[in-house]
Amino acid sequence: MVVLVEDTPDHILVDREAEGIGNLLGDLTAAHPIRLIKSLAEIALKELSPLFEQMYSEVGRPSIPPERLLKASLLMALYTVRSERMFCEQLDYNLLFRWFLDLNWDEPAFDHSTFSRNRMRLLKHYVAGEFFRTVVSEARELKLTSDEHFTVDGTLIEAWASL
């Protein structure tokens, strides 16, 4: 798909399919704080990758990769996304979420029921807690957290507490 970019002096024609989502978001996310959070998440996931290999079988129906499930859970917490269904709908149009999950722009969004089942199963496993502890620990080391101000959506906590 070739699109006309009108906010440039020459109204440049850009082939978005050739560029891909990585190039498209490369400039958009250069100064965004989520870029650092993504790198912290990827470090934590790399440390946990041997556990993922033990948890998932090579036979049976393919599931959503655990790395994507955990990164999606992190996005849901950071952006206060209230439900799996809402998150999966946002994947259809939120390029920042797609970039964070390493989801290609033409790759279909997750089916909300499959996503929900897989996510619940993973969150019950100790590896999810280890992932979040590692990300928070690394964020604290880099002074990205603060005890001065904390805001949270209480309904989200109640919903997650009912798991």
Protein backbone atom coordinates (compact mmCIF):
# COMPACT_ATOMS: atom_id res chain seq x y z
CA MET A 1 0.00 0.00 0.00
CA VAL A 2 1.42 3.36 -1.00
CA VAL A 3 0.21 6.36 0.98
CA LEU A 4 0.63 10.10 0.57
CA VAL A 5 2.25 11.72 3.58
CA GLU A 6 0.92 15.27 3.49
CA ASP A 7 2.69 16.70 6.51
CA THR A 8 6.02 16.70 4.70
CA PRO A 9 7.20 19.56 2.47
CA ASP A 10 7.17 17.42 -0.68
CA HIS A 11 4.10 15.30 0.15
CA ILE A 12 6.22 12.17 -0.06
CA LEU A 13 4.76 8.90 -1.29
CA VAL A 14 5.73 6.18 1.17
CA ASP A 15 5.39 2.45 0.66
CA ARG A 16 4.26 1.37 4.16
CA GLU A 17 4.34 -2.33 3.27
CA ALA A 18 8.01 -2.07 2.32
CA GLU A 19 8.87 -0.14 5.47
CA GLY A 20 7.13 -2.46 7.90
CA ILE A 21 5.95 -1.65 11.39
CA GLY A 22 9.47 -1.58 12.85
CA ASN A 23 10.58 1.26 10.60
CA LEU A 24 7.27 3.07 10.97
CA LEU A 25 7.48 3.06 14.75
CA GLY A 26 11.22 3.51 14.96
CA ASP A 27 10.95 7.27 14.79
CA LEU A 28 7.68 7.47 16.71
CA THR A 29 9.01 5.64 19.73
CA ALA A 30 12.56 7.02 19.83
CA ALA A 31 11.91 9.18 22.90
CA HIS A 32 8.96 7.25 24.31
CA PRO A 33 9.54 5.72 27.78
CA ILE A 34 8.00 2.43 26.63
CA ARG A 35 11.17 1.78 24.59
CA LEU A 36 13.18 1.35 27.81
CA ILE A 37 10.42 -0.75 29.39
CA LYS A 38 10.46 -3.02 26.33
CA SER A 39 14.21 -3.56 26.68
CA LEU A 40 13.79 -4.38 30.39
CA ALA A 41 11.04 -6.86 29.54
CA GLU A 42 13.17 -8.51 26.89
CA ILE A 43 16.07 -8.90 29.33
CA ALA A 44 13.73 -10.57 31.82
CA LEU A 45 12.27 -12.83 29.12
CA LYS A 46 15.74 -13.88 27.97
CA GLU A 47 16.56 -14.96 31.53
CA LEU A 48 13.32 -16.95 31.72
CA SER A 49 13.46 -18.57 28.26
CA PRO A 50 14.70 -21.97 29.55
CA LEU A 51 11.57 -22.15 31.72
CA PHE A 52 9.31 -21.46 28.75
CA GLU A 53 10.84 -24.36 26.87
CA GLN A 54 10.03 -26.67 29.80
CA MET A 55 6.46 -25.36 30.14
CA TYR A 56 5.32 -25.74 26.54
CA SER A 57 5.04 -28.92 24.54
CA GLU A 58 6.07 -29.22 20.91
CA VAL A 59 2.93 -31.26 20.17
CA GLY A 60 -0.65 -30.09 20.22
CA ARG A 61 -2.28 -26.88 19.06
CA PRO A 62 -0.02 -23.85 18.83
CA SER A 63 -0.61 -21.27 21.52
CA ILE A 64 0.27 -17.62 21.89
CA PRO A 65 3.98 -17.48 22.80
CA PRO A 66 4.45 -16.95 26.55
CA GLU A 67 6.78 -14.03 25.86
CA ARG A 68 3.95 -12.20 24.09
CA LEU A 69 1.48 -13.09 26.83
CA LEU A 70 3.73 -11.64 29.53
CA LYS A 71 4.56 -8.53 27.52
CA ALA A 72 0.84 -8.10 26.81
CA SER A 73 0.11 -8.37 30.55
CA LEU A 74 2.71 -5.70 31.18
CA LEU A 75 1.07 -3.43 28.60
CA MET A 76 -2.35 -4.06 30.15
CA ALA A 77 -1.03 -2.97 33.54
CA LEU A 78 0.88 0.06 32.25
CA TYR A 79 -1.96 1.33 30.07
CA THR A 80 -4.82 0.24 32.37
CA VAL A 81 -6.49 -1.95 29.77
CA ARG A 82 -9.46 -3.41 31.65
CA SER A 83 -9.99 -6.69 29.80
CA GLU A 84 -8.40 -9.18 27.46
CA ARG A 85 -11.15 -8.50 24.92
CA MET A 86 -10.39 -4.76 24.95
CA PHE A 87 -6.67 -5.43 24.66
CA CYS A 88 -7.16 -7.73 21.66
CA GLU A 89 -9.38 -5.12 19.99
CA GLN A 90 -6.71 -2.48 20.53
CA LEU A 91 -4.17 -4.67 18.76
CA ASP A 92 -6.12 -4.01 15.56
CA TYR A 93 -5.21 -0.31 15.61
CA ASN A 94 -2.63 0.40 18.32
CA LEU A 95 0.74 0.31 16.57
CA LEU A 96 2.64 0.97 19.77
CA PHE A 97 1.19 -2.22 21.29
CA ARG A 98 2.04 -4.19 18.14
CA TRP A 99 5.60 -2.85 18.20
CA PHE A 100 5.98 -3.72 21.89
CA LEU A 101 4.81 -7.30 21.23
CA ASP A 102 6.93 -7.70 18.07
CA LEU A 103 3.68 -8.34 16.20
CA ASN A 104 3.91 -7.61 12.48
CA TRP A 105 1.41 -5.07 11.19
CA ASP A 106 -0.25 -7.64 8.93
CA GLU A 107 -0.31 -10.40 11.56
CA PRO A 108 -3.81 -10.96 12.95
CA ALA A 109 -4.55 -9.77 16.47
CA PHE A 110 -5.01 -12.42 19.14
CA ASP A 111 -8.41 -14.08 19.49
CA HIS A 112 -9.66 -12.75 22.82
CA SER A 113 -10.88 -16.10 24.17
CA THR A 114 -7.65 -17.92 23.28
CA PHE A 115 -5.63 -15.00 24.63
CA SER A 116 -7.62 -15.02 27.88
CA ARG A 117 -7.26 -18.78 28.46
CA ASN A 118 -3.54 -18.81 27.65
CA ARG A 119 -2.88 -15.71 29.75
CA MET A 120 -4.73 -17.07 32.79
CA ARG A 121 -2.80 -20.34 32.58
CA LEU A 122 0.50 -18.49 32.38
CA LEU A 123 -0.30 -16.00 35.16
CA LYS A 124 -0.99 -18.92 37.53
CA HIS A 125 2.52 -20.24 36.90
CA TYR A 126 5.36 -18.85 39.02
CA VAL A 127 7.21 -17.68 35.89
CA ALA A 128 4.79 -14.74 35.52
CA GLY A 129 5.60 -13.45 39.00
CA GLU A 130 9.29 -13.87 38.31
CA PHE A 131 8.93 -11.86 35.08
CA PHE A 132 7.19 -8.96 36.82
CA ARG A 133 9.63 -9.00 39.76
CA THR A 134 12.58 -8.87 37.35
CA VAL A 135 11.13 -5.98 35.31
CA VAL A 136 10.29 -3.98 38.44
CA SER A 137 13.70 -4.69 39.96
CA GLU A 138 15.51 -3.53 36.82
CA ALA A 139 13.28 -0.42 36.64
CA ARG A 140 14.15 0.40 40.26
CA GLU A 141 17.86 0.00 39.57
CA LEU A 142 17.56 2.51 36.73
CA LYS A 143 15.56 4.88 38.99
CA LEU A 144 12.47 4.60 36.76
CA THR A 145 10.16 4.11 39.72
CA SER A 146 9.19 6.44 42.52
CA ASP A 147 7.52 6.08 45.90
CA GLU A 148 6.27 9.67 45.74
CA HIS A 149 3.23 9.09 43.55
CA PHE A 150 1.26 6.00 42.73
CA THR A 151 -1.98 5.77 40.79
CA VAL A 152 -3.87 2.61 40.04
CA ASP A 153 -7.30 1.63 38.83
CA GLY A 154 -8.85 -0.21 41.79
CA THR A 155 -11.31 -2.09 39.61
CA LEU A 156 -8.43 -3.62 37.70
CA ILE A 157 -6.84 -4.84 40.94
CA GLU A 158 -10.15 -6.31 42.12
CA ALA A 159 -10.64 -8.11 38.83
CA TRP A 160 -7.12 -9.54 38.86
CA ALA A 161 -7.44 -10.47 42.55
CA SER A 162 -10.41 -12.67 41.69
CA LEU A 163 -8.18 -14.97 39.62
